[in-house]
Protein backbone atom coordinates (compact mmCIF):
# COMPACT_ATOMS: atom_id res chain seq x y z
CA UNK A 1 10.13 13.56 -25.81
CA UNK A 2 11.09 12.54 -22.26
CA UNK A 3 14.66 13.81 -22.54
CA UNK A 4 13.39 17.40 -22.80
CA UNK A 5 11.26 17.14 -19.66
CA UNK A 6 13.75 15.34 -17.42
CA UNK A 7 15.83 18.40 -16.43
CA UNK A 8 12.66 20.32 -15.53
CA UNK A 9 11.31 17.44 -13.45
CA UNK A 10 14.64 16.92 -11.67
CA UNK A 11 14.97 20.60 -10.75
CA UNK A 12 11.35 20.85 -9.63
CA UNK A 13 11.91 18.22 -6.92
CA UNK A 14 9.27 15.90 -8.31
CA UNK A 15 11.64 12.93 -7.79
CA UNK A 16 12.42 13.77 -4.15
CA UNK A 17 9.95 11.16 -2.84
CA UNK A 18 10.58 8.62 -5.60
CA UNK A 19 12.48 5.44 -4.68
CA UNK A 20 12.69 3.70 -8.06
CA UNK A 21 12.60 5.16 -11.54
CA UNK A 22 12.40 3.53 -14.97
CA UNK A 23 13.61 5.54 -17.95
CA UNK A 24 13.25 4.51 -21.57
CA UNK A 25 16.13 6.03 -23.52
CA UNK A 26 15.36 6.79 -27.15
CA UNK A 27 18.22 8.57 -28.90
CA UNK A 28 17.00 8.47 -32.52
CA UNK A 29 20.71 8.34 -33.39
CA UNK A 30 21.02 12.00 -32.37
CA UNK A 31 24.21 12.96 -30.52
CA UNK A 32 22.57 15.97 -28.84
CA UNK A 33 19.80 13.78 -27.39
CA UNK A 34 22.41 11.32 -26.09
CA UNK A 35 24.24 14.23 -24.43
CA UNK A 36 21.01 15.50 -22.80
CA UNK A 37 20.23 12.05 -21.41
CA UNK A 38 23.77 11.95 -20.02
CA UNK A 39 23.30 15.31 -18.29
CA UNK A 40 19.98 14.19 -16.81
CA UNK A 41 21.48 10.93 -15.56
CA UNK A 42 24.29 12.89 -13.86
CA UNK A 43 21.69 15.11 -12.17
CA UNK A 44 19.77 12.05 -10.98
CA UNK A 45 23.03 10.57 -9.68
CA UNK A 46 23.60 13.74 -7.62
CA UNK A 47 20.08 13.25 -6.19
CA UNK A 48 21.08 9.79 -4.93
CA UNK A 49 19.82 7.60 -7.77
CA UNK A 50 22.01 4.71 -8.91
CA UNK A 51 21.66 2.47 -11.94
CA UNK A 52 20.62 -0.97 -10.73
CA UNK A 53 19.64 -2.57 -14.05
CA UNK A 54 19.58 -1.84 -17.76
CA UNK A 55 18.57 -3.62 -20.93
CA UNK A 56 19.34 -2.71 -24.51
CA UNK A 57 16.56 -3.21 -27.03
CA UNK A 58 17.03 -6.83 -28.08
CA UNK A 59 15.39 -6.25 -31.46
CA UNK A 60 17.79 -3.50 -32.47
CA UNK A 61 20.97 -4.18 -34.41
CA UNK A 62 23.71 -1.58 -34.61
CA UNK A 63 25.43 -1.02 -37.93
CA UNK A 64 28.30 1.18 -39.16
CA UNK A 65 25.90 4.05 -40.02
CA UNK A 66 24.55 4.13 -36.48
CA UNK A 67 27.02 5.12 -33.75
CA UNK A 68 24.52 4.65 -30.90
CA UNK A 69 21.85 2.11 -30.14
CA UNK A 70 18.52 3.89 -30.29
CA UNK A 71 16.71 2.39 -27.33
CA UNK A 72 17.48 1.12 -23.85
CA UNK A 73 15.63 0.70 -20.57
CA UNK A 74 17.26 1.96 -17.37
CA UNK A 75 16.17 1.19 -13.82
CA UNK A 76 17.46 3.56 -11.15
CA UNK A 77 17.01 3.35 -7.40
CA UNK A 78 17.62 5.96 -4.74
CA UNK A 79 20.43 4.68 -2.54
CA UNK A 80 20.43 7.20 0.30
CA UNK A 81 17.42 5.59 1.96
CA UNK A 82 17.20 3.80 5.26
CA UNK A 83 14.73 1.10 4.34
CA UNK A 84 12.69 -0.59 7.01
CA UNK A 85 13.13 -4.36 7.07
CA UNK A 86 10.10 -6.41 7.92
CA UNK A 87 10.36 -8.38 11.19
CA UNK A 88 9.50 -11.46 9.12
CA UNK A 89 12.80 -11.06 7.24
CA UNK A 90 14.76 -10.91 10.47
């Protein structure tokens, strides 16, 4: 499960040279997993990543027995970069 590996990857520095990152959240309606994803997202935020897009699973319907949606896609981008602009773009 990705949520278990994220803290290890973040601390190892593996994302230091990454500009964009896609994460598929899968909570399985488990509050502890939701909390771990939240902690990992905070750690990524401290590394300069910002949420630029997200999409909830369009096929999933939440009901009263399910406090969280199970799946979502997150797109994060590192914002502390000085990007080179092509001369073509002006």
